[in-house]
Amino acid sequence: MIFERLEVTSFLMNCYIIGCEKTRACAIIDPGGSFSFIDEKIIDLRLEPKMILLTHGHSDHIGAVKELKDKYNIPVYIHELDAEFIKNPDLNHSYDLFRKIISLDYDNLLKDGQIIELGELKIEVIHTPGHTPGGVCFKIDNIILTGDTLFDHSIGRTDLEGGSMDDIISSIINKILIYDDEVKLYPGHNSSTSIGVEKKENMFVRKYYK
């Protein structure tokens, strides 16, 4: 598997490129901005983009979607409960964050448990509401891309539209931390971590694992 983390936008958002070594097919996860930077990496790696996968619909995760979609003519995937977020600037906060309006269409709706095939890779969709109603994580082999649900020693904010502290804690405990301690977690912002570390050291959930 080809795995690249690119730090984009002034909000230090993690965009991920996942590629199949055999077919060179790739998925772009959360292209929040910096289109040229992302595109140069795709070209350098000799990859063929097949899809854009979104963990949720906030503007810092969708800012380069249109440019990538236009160049490569690839579909955009988002969970059905966040579909309105990428369309509605009031929900995705694009003007608040970037002083521009972002309103996008989607091509396919994600569902919990769905398996997306990318060359020889299989990407599992895990619905993890809490940061937004339609937030998802993506599991590929022994890694999980956690979006803004779970961070290194922290969790996503729940004070925006559709956010819920109860839901995000439930999502983390019942949908993410159920896997082996060695599974690596790659969030939407900041550094990577692991399930074992978060069970022991994350102040929001460690009490459930004593």
C-alpha atoms as a PDB file:
ATOM      1  CA  MET A   1       0.000   0.000   0.000  1.00  0.00           C
ATOM      2  CA  ILE A   2       1.123   3.508  -0.816  1.00  0.00           C
ATOM      3  CA  PHE A   3       0.379   5.857   2.070  1.00  0.00           C
ATOM      4  CA  GLU A   4       1.096   9.584   2.103  1.00  0.00           C
ATOM      5  CA  ARG A   5       0.132  12.251   4.641  1.00  0.00           C
ATOM      6  CA  LEU A   6       0.100  15.825   3.384  1.00  0.00           C
ATOM      7  CA  GLU A   7      -0.346  18.762   5.732  1.00  0.00           C
ATOM      8  CA  VAL A   8      -2.544  21.331   3.982  1.00  0.00           C
ATOM      9  CA  THR A   9      -4.196  24.699   4.724  1.00  0.00           C
ATOM     10  CA  SER A  10      -3.380  27.087   7.540  1.00  0.00           C
ATOM     11  CA  PHE A  11      -5.347  24.796   9.856  1.00  0.00           C
ATOM     12  CA  LEU A  12      -2.707  22.067   9.431  1.00  0.00           C
ATOM     13  CA  MET A  13      -5.240  19.592   8.103  1.00  0.00           C
ATOM     14  CA  ASN A  14      -4.059  16.119   7.144  1.00  0.00           C
ATOM     15  CA  CYS A  15      -4.898  15.073   3.618  1.00  0.00           C
ATOM     16  CA  TYR A  16      -4.121  11.421   2.898  1.00  0.00           C
ATOM     17  CA  ILE A  17      -3.340   9.686  -0.362  1.00  0.00           C
ATOM     18  CA  ILE A  18      -3.919   5.930  -0.353  1.00  0.00           C
ATOM     19  CA  GLY A  19      -2.671   3.976  -3.341  1.00  0.00           C
ATOM     20  CA  CYS A  20      -2.506   0.417  -4.621  1.00  0.00           C
ATOM     21  CA  GLU A  21       1.083  -0.509  -5.467  1.00  0.00           C
ATOM     22  CA  LYS A  22       0.071  -2.913  -8.225  1.00  0.00           C
ATOM     23  CA  THR A  23      -2.529  -0.861 -10.109  1.00  0.00           C
ATOM     24  CA  ARG A  24      -1.383   2.662  -9.053  1.00  0.00           C
ATOM     25  CA  ALA A  25      -5.037   3.517  -8.370  1.00  0.00           C
ATOM     26  CA  CYS A  26      -5.394   5.985  -5.516  1.00  0.00           C
ATOM     27  CA  ALA A  27      -7.974   7.643  -3.307  1.00  0.00           C
ATOM     28  CA  ILE A  28      -7.598  11.170  -1.972  1.00  0.00           C
ATOM     29  CA  ILE A  29      -8.977  11.525   1.531  1.00  0.00           C
ATOM     30  CA  ASP A  30      -9.981  14.966   2.820  1.00  0.00           C
ATOM     31  CA  PRO A  31      -8.286  17.315   0.333  1.00  0.00           C
ATOM     32  CA  GLY A  32      -8.809  20.383   2.478  1.00  0.00           C
ATOM     33  CA  GLY A  33      -6.869  22.795   0.280  1.00  0.00           C
ATOM     34  CA  SER A  34      -3.474  23.297  -1.372  1.00  0.00           C
ATOM     35  CA  PHE A  35      -4.563  21.720  -4.657  1.00  0.00           C
ATOM     36  CA  SER A  36      -1.175  22.167  -6.363  1.00  0.00           C
ATOM     37  CA  PHE A  37       0.674  20.536  -3.455  1.00  0.00           C
ATOM     38  CA  ILE A  38      -1.642  17.507  -3.508  1.00  0.00           C
ATOM     39  CA  ASP A  39      -1.564  17.250  -7.282  1.00  0.00           C
ATOM     40  CA  GLU A  40       2.229  17.390  -7.422  1.00  0.00           C
ATOM     41  CA  LYS A  41       2.445  14.487  -4.993  1.00  0.00           C
ATOM     42  CA  ILE A  42       0.012  12.432  -7.088  1.00  0.00           C
ATOM     43  CA  ILE A  43       2.111  13.095 -10.186  1.00  0.00           C
ATOM     44  CA  ASP A  44       5.406  12.371  -8.385  1.00  0.00           C
ATOM     45  CA  LEU A  45       4.078   9.015  -7.185  1.00  0.00           C
ATOM     46  CA  ARG A  46       2.721   8.163 -10.655  1.00  0.00           C
ATOM     47  CA  LEU A  47      -0.732   7.490  -9.258  1.00  0.00           C
ATOM     48  CA  GLU A  48      -4.106   7.436 -10.971  1.00  0.00           C
ATOM     49  CA  PRO A  49      -6.802   9.084  -8.832  1.00  0.00           C
ATOM     50  CA  LYS A  50     -10.048   7.121  -8.728  1.00  0.00           C
ATOM     51  CA  MET A  51     -12.041   8.834  -5.991  1.00  0.00           C
ATOM     52  CA  ILE A  52     -12.215  11.505  -3.309  1.00  0.00           C
ATOM     53  CA  LEU A  53     -13.291  10.222   0.110  1.00  0.00           C
ATOM     54  CA  LEU A  54     -14.477  12.667   2.769  1.00  0.00           C
ATOM     55  CA  THR A  55     -14.553  11.937   6.487  1.00  0.00           C
ATOM     56  CA  HIS A  56     -17.008  14.836   6.919  1.00  0.00           C
ATOM     57  CA  GLY A  57     -18.163  18.040   5.316  1.00  0.00           C
ATOM     58  CA  HIS A  58     -16.344  20.902   7.050  1.00  0.00           C
ATOM     59  CA  SER A  59     -14.544  23.336   4.780  1.00  0.00           C
ATOM     60  CA  ASP A  60     -11.034  22.616   6.036  1.00  0.00           C
ATOM     61  CA  HIS A  61     -11.490  19.073   4.689  1.00  0.00           C
ATOM     62  CA  ILE A  62     -13.081  19.892   1.323  1.00  0.00           C
ATOM     63  CA  GLY A  63     -11.304  23.002   0.022  1.00  0.00           C
ATOM     64  CA  ALA A  64      -9.499  21.317  -2.908  1.00  0.00           C
ATOM     65  CA  VAL A  65     -12.273  18.903  -3.850  1.00  0.00           C
ATOM     66  CA  LYS A  66     -13.555  20.863  -6.834  1.00  0.00           C
ATOM     67  CA  GLU A  67     -10.141  21.331  -8.443  1.00  0.00           C
ATOM     68  CA  LEU A  68      -9.223  17.655  -8.040  1.00  0.00           C
ATOM     69  CA  LYS A  69     -12.617  16.496  -9.279  1.00  0.00           C
ATOM     70  CA  ASP A  70     -12.433  18.808 -12.283  1.00  0.00           C
ATOM     71  CA  LYS A  71      -8.924  17.714 -13.260  1.00  0.00           C
ATOM     72  CA  TYR A  72      -9.342  13.968 -12.812  1.00  0.00           C
ATOM     73  CA  ASN A  73     -13.103  13.579 -13.340  1.00  0.00           C
ATOM     74  CA  ILE A  74     -13.435  11.396 -10.248  1.00  0.00           C
ATOM     75  CA  PRO A  75     -16.404  10.844  -7.908  1.00  0.00           C
ATOM     76  CA  VAL A  76     -16.800  12.402  -4.474  1.00  0.00           C
ATOM     77  CA  TYR A  77     -17.958  10.185  -1.606  1.00  0.00           C
ATOM     78  CA  ILE A  78     -19.502  11.445   1.641  1.00  0.00           C
ATOM     79  CA  HIS A  79     -21.866   9.972   4.229  1.00  0.00           C
ATOM     80  CA  GLU A  80     -25.525  10.712   3.585  1.00  0.00           C
ATOM     81  CA  LEU A  81     -25.896  12.598   6.888  1.00  0.00           C
ATOM     82  CA  ASP A  82     -23.151  15.030   5.887  1.00  0.00           C
ATOM     83  CA  ALA A  83     -24.232  15.493   2.273  1.00  0.00           C
ATOM     84  CA  GLU A  84     -25.868  18.826   3.072  1.00  0.00           C
ATOM     85  CA  PHE A  85     -22.696  20.061   4.769  1.00  0.00           C
ATOM     86  CA  ILE A  86     -20.654  20.187   1.575  1.00  0.00           C
ATOM     87  CA  LYS A  87     -23.488  21.975  -0.211  1.00  0.00           C
ATOM     88  CA  ASN A  88     -24.317  24.521   2.476  1.00  0.00           C
ATOM     89  CA  PRO A  89     -21.652  27.157   3.312  1.00  0.00           C
ATOM     90  CA  ASP A  90     -23.400  27.909   6.597  1.00  0.00           C
ATOM     91  CA  LEU A  91     -22.865  24.313   7.682  1.00  0.00           C
ATOM     92  CA  ASN A  92     -19.360  23.840   6.316  1.00  0.00           C
ATOM     93  CA  HIS A  93     -18.194  27.251   7.644  1.00  0.00           C
ATOM     94  CA  SER A  94     -16.201  28.031   4.526  1.00  0.00           C
ATOM     95  CA  TYR A  95     -16.630  31.769   4.796  1.00  0.00           C
ATOM     96  CA  ASP A  96     -15.850  31.749   8.524  1.00  0.00           C
ATOM     97  CA  LEU A  97     -12.595  29.857   7.973  1.00  0.00           C
ATOM     98  CA  PHE A  98     -11.412  30.916   4.524  1.00  0.00           C
ATOM     99  CA  ARG A  99     -13.482  33.964   3.604  1.00  0.00           C
ATOM    100  CA  LYS A 100     -14.849  32.194   0.545  1.00  0.00           C
ATOM    101  CA  ILE A 101     -17.993  30.237  -0.254  1.00  0.00           C
ATOM    102  CA  ILE A 102     -17.650  26.493  -0.803  1.00  0.00           C
ATOM    103  CA  SER A 103     -20.685  24.635  -2.133  1.00  0.00           C
ATOM    104  CA  LEU A 104     -20.107  21.203  -3.657  1.00  0.00           C
ATOM    105  CA  ASP A 105     -22.036  18.291  -5.084  1.00  0.00           C
ATOM    106  CA  TYR A 106     -21.375  14.675  -4.229  1.00  0.00           C
ATOM    107  CA  ASP A 107     -21.524  11.589  -6.422  1.00  0.00           C
ATOM    108  CA  ASN A 108     -21.884   8.708  -3.979  1.00  0.00           C
ATOM    109  CA  LEU A 109     -23.201   8.343  -0.446  1.00  0.00           C
ATOM    110  CA  LEU A 110     -21.271   6.298   2.092  1.00  0.00           C
ATOM    111  CA  LYS A 111     -22.885   3.847   4.484  1.00  0.00           C
ATOM    112  CA  ASP A 112     -21.591   2.213   7.657  1.00  0.00           C
ATOM    113  CA  GLY A 113     -19.829  -1.070   6.929  1.00  0.00           C
ATOM    114  CA  GLN A 114     -19.472  -0.375   3.221  1.00  0.00           C
ATOM    115  CA  ILE A 115     -16.367  -1.787   1.537  1.00  0.00           C
ATOM    116  CA  ILE A 116     -14.802   0.331  -1.198  1.00  0.00           C
ATOM    117  CA  GLU A 117     -12.402  -1.455  -3.538  1.00  0.00           C
ATOM    118  CA  LEU A 118      -9.342   0.438  -4.731  1.00  0.00           C
ATOM    119  CA  GLY A 119      -7.178  -1.768  -6.881  1.00  0.00           C
ATOM    120  CA  GLU A 120      -6.216  -4.596  -4.559  1.00  0.00           C
ATOM    121  CA  LEU A 121      -7.042  -2.554  -1.455  1.00  0.00           C
ATOM    122  CA  LYS A 122     -10.274  -2.662   0.510  1.00  0.00           C
ATOM    123  CA  ILE A 123     -11.397   0.432   2.401  1.00  0.00           C
ATOM    124  CA  GLU A 124     -13.981  -0.077   5.128  1.00  0.00           C
ATOM    125  CA  VAL A 125     -16.343   2.767   6.019  1.00  0.00           C
ATOM    126  CA  ILE A 126     -17.012   3.244   9.754  1.00  0.00           C
ATOM    127  CA  HIS A 127     -19.784   5.706  10.595  1.00  0.00           C
ATOM    128  CA  THR A 128     -18.669   7.716  13.639  1.00  0.00           C
ATOM    129  CA  PRO A 129     -21.125  10.541  14.390  1.00  0.00           C
ATOM    130  CA  GLY A 130     -20.342  13.127  17.019  1.00  0.00           C
ATOM    131  CA  HIS A 131     -18.214  15.782  15.364  1.00  0.00           C
ATOM    132  CA  THR A 132     -20.801  15.904  12.603  1.00  0.00           C
ATOM    133  CA  PRO A 133     -23.823  13.615  12.072  1.00  0.00           C
ATOM    134  CA  GLY A 134     -22.260  11.921   9.055  1.00  0.00           C
ATOM    135  CA  GLY A 135     -18.661  11.720  10.165  1.00  0.00           C
ATOM    136  CA  VAL A 136     -16.862   8.561   9.109  1.00  0.00           C
ATOM    137  CA  CYS A 137     -13.520   6.857   9.535  1.00  0.00           C
ATOM    138  CA  PHE A 138     -11.783   4.732   6.923  1.00  0.00           C
ATOM    139  CA  LYS A 139     -10.052   1.460   7.838  1.00  0.00           C
ATOM    140  CA  ILE A 140      -7.429   0.064   5.486  1.00  0.00           C
ATOM    141  CA  ASP A 141      -5.536  -2.997   6.673  1.00  0.00           C
ATOM    142  CA  ASN A 142      -4.034  -2.108  10.064  1.00  0.00           C
ATOM    143  CA  ILE A 143      -4.662   1.647   9.989  1.00  0.00           C
ATOM    144  CA  ILE A 144      -7.703   3.845  10.560  1.00  0.00           C
ATOM    145  CA  LEU A 145      -8.108   7.376   9.247  1.00  0.00           C
ATOM    146  CA  THR A 146     -10.138   8.976  12.017  1.00  0.00           C
ATOM    147  CA  GLY A 147     -10.980  12.373  10.534  1.00  0.00           C
ATOM    148  CA  ASP A 148     -12.023  14.791  13.262  1.00  0.00           C
ATOM    149  CA  THR A 149     -13.516  12.079  15.481  1.00  0.00           C
ATOM    150  CA  LEU A 150     -10.420  11.010  17.410  1.00  0.00           C
ATOM    151  CA  PHE A 151      -7.097  12.825  17.704  1.00  0.00           C
ATOM    152  CA  ASP A 152      -3.790  12.104  19.381  1.00  0.00           C
ATOM    153  CA  HIS A 153      -4.757  12.458  23.070  1.00  0.00           C
ATOM    154  CA  SER A 154      -7.931  14.353  22.197  1.00  0.00           C
ATOM    155  CA  ILE A 155     -11.265  14.213  20.368  1.00  0.00           C
ATOM    156  CA  GLY A 156     -13.092  16.336  17.824  1.00  0.00           C
ATOM    157  CA  ARG A 157     -15.103  19.356  18.871  1.00  0.00           C
ATOM    158  CA  THR A 158     -18.836  18.835  19.324  1.00  0.00           C
ATOM    159  CA  ASP A 159     -20.121  22.405  19.566  1.00  0.00           C
ATOM    160  CA  LEU A 160     -20.886  22.921  15.868  1.00  0.00           C
ATOM    161  CA  GLU A 161     -24.062  21.992  13.994  1.00  0.00           C
ATOM    162  CA  GLY A 162     -24.995  18.349  14.525  1.00  0.00           C
ATOM    163  CA  GLY A 163     -22.252  17.754  17.060  1.00  0.00           C
ATOM    164  CA  SER A 164     -22.830  15.596  20.130  1.00  0.00           C
ATOM    165  CA  MET A 165     -20.500  14.705  22.982  1.00  0.00           C
ATOM    166  CA  ASP A 166     -22.491  11.560  23.762  1.00  0.00           C
ATOM    167  CA  ASP A 167     -22.329  10.449  20.142  1.00  0.00           C
ATOM    168  CA  ILE A 168     -18.617  11.084  19.689  1.00  0.00           C
ATOM    169  CA  ILE A 169     -17.680   9.192  22.860  1.00  0.00           C
ATOM    170  CA  SER A 170     -19.923   6.311  21.799  1.00  0.00           C
ATOM    171  CA  SER A 171     -18.375   6.313  18.329  1.00  0.00           C
ATOM    172  CA  ILE A 172     -14.842   6.232  19.701  1.00  0.00           C
ATOM    173  CA  ILE A 173     -15.523   3.463  22.211  1.00  0.00           C
ATOM    174  CA  ASN A 174     -17.821   1.280  20.137  1.00  0.00           C
ATOM    175  CA  LYS A 175     -16.541   1.821  16.600  1.00  0.00           C
ATOM    176  CA  ILE A 176     -12.814   2.669  16.794  1.00  0.00           C
ATOM    177  CA  LEU A 177     -11.225   1.388  19.992  1.00  0.00           C
ATOM    178  CA  ILE A 178     -12.655  -2.102  19.446  1.00  0.00           C
ATOM    179  CA  TYR A 179      -9.653  -3.035  17.294  1.00  0.00           C
ATOM    180  CA  ASP A 180      -6.238  -4.302  18.410  1.00  0.00           C
ATOM    181  CA  ASP A 181      -4.043  -1.934  20.403  1.00  0.00           C
ATOM    182  CA  GLU A 182      -1.433  -1.974  17.634  1.00  0.00           C
ATOM    183  CA  VAL A 183      -3.770  -0.446  15.044  1.00  0.00           C
ATOM    184  CA  LYS A 184      -2.430   2.941  13.966  1.00  0.00           C
ATOM    185  CA  LEU A 185      -4.710   5.972  13.960  1.00  0.00           C
ATOM    186  CA  TYR A 186      -4.235   8.852  11.529  1.00  0.00           C
ATOM    187  CA  PRO A 187      -6.437  11.844  12.389  1.00  0.00           C
ATOM    188  CA  GLY A 188      -7.576  14.850  10.412  1.00  0.00           C
ATOM    189  CA  HIS A 189      -5.207  17.135  12.312  1.00  0.00           C
ATOM    190  CA  ASN A 190      -1.948  16.682  14.198  1.00  0.00           C
ATOM    191  CA  SER A 191       0.133  13.553  14.648  1.00  0.00           C
ATOM    192  CA  SER A 192      -0.663   9.863  14.429  1.00  0.00           C
ATOM    193  CA  THR A 193      -1.280   7.652  17.426  1.00  0.00           C
ATOM    194  CA  SER A 194      -2.511   4.136  18.166  1.00  0.00           C
ATOM    195  CA  ILE A 195      -5.491   2.476  19.777  1.00  0.00           C
ATOM    196  CA  GLY A 196      -3.388   1.253  22.701  1.00  0.00           C
ATOM    197  CA  VAL A 197      -2.076   4.745  23.447  1.00  0.00           C
ATOM    198  CA  GLU A 198      -5.518   6.320  23.313  1.00  0.00           C
ATOM    199  CA  LYS A 199      -7.042   3.717  25.625  1.00  0.00           C
ATOM    200  CA  LYS A 200      -4.382   4.469  28.234  1.00  0.00           C
ATOM    201  CA  GLU A 201      -3.759   8.188  27.825  1.00  0.00           C
ATOM    202  CA  ASN A 202      -6.723   9.939  26.185  1.00  0.00           C
ATOM    203  CA  MET A 203      -8.428  11.829  29.021  1.00  0.00           C
ATOM    204  CA  PHE A 204     -11.815  11.646  27.302  1.00  0.00           C
ATOM    205  CA  VAL A 205     -12.025   7.840  27.122  1.00  0.00           C
ATOM    206  CA  ARG A 206      -9.336   6.267  29.320  1.00  0.00           C
ATOM    207  CA  LYS A 207     -11.759   5.873  32.243  1.00  0.00           C
ATOM    208  CA  TYR A 208     -13.585   3.217  30.228  1.00  0.00           C
ATOM    209  CA  TYR A 209     -10.478   1.014  30.061  1.00  0.00           C
ATOM    210  CA  LYS A 210      -9.275   0.827  33.667  1.00  0.00           C
END
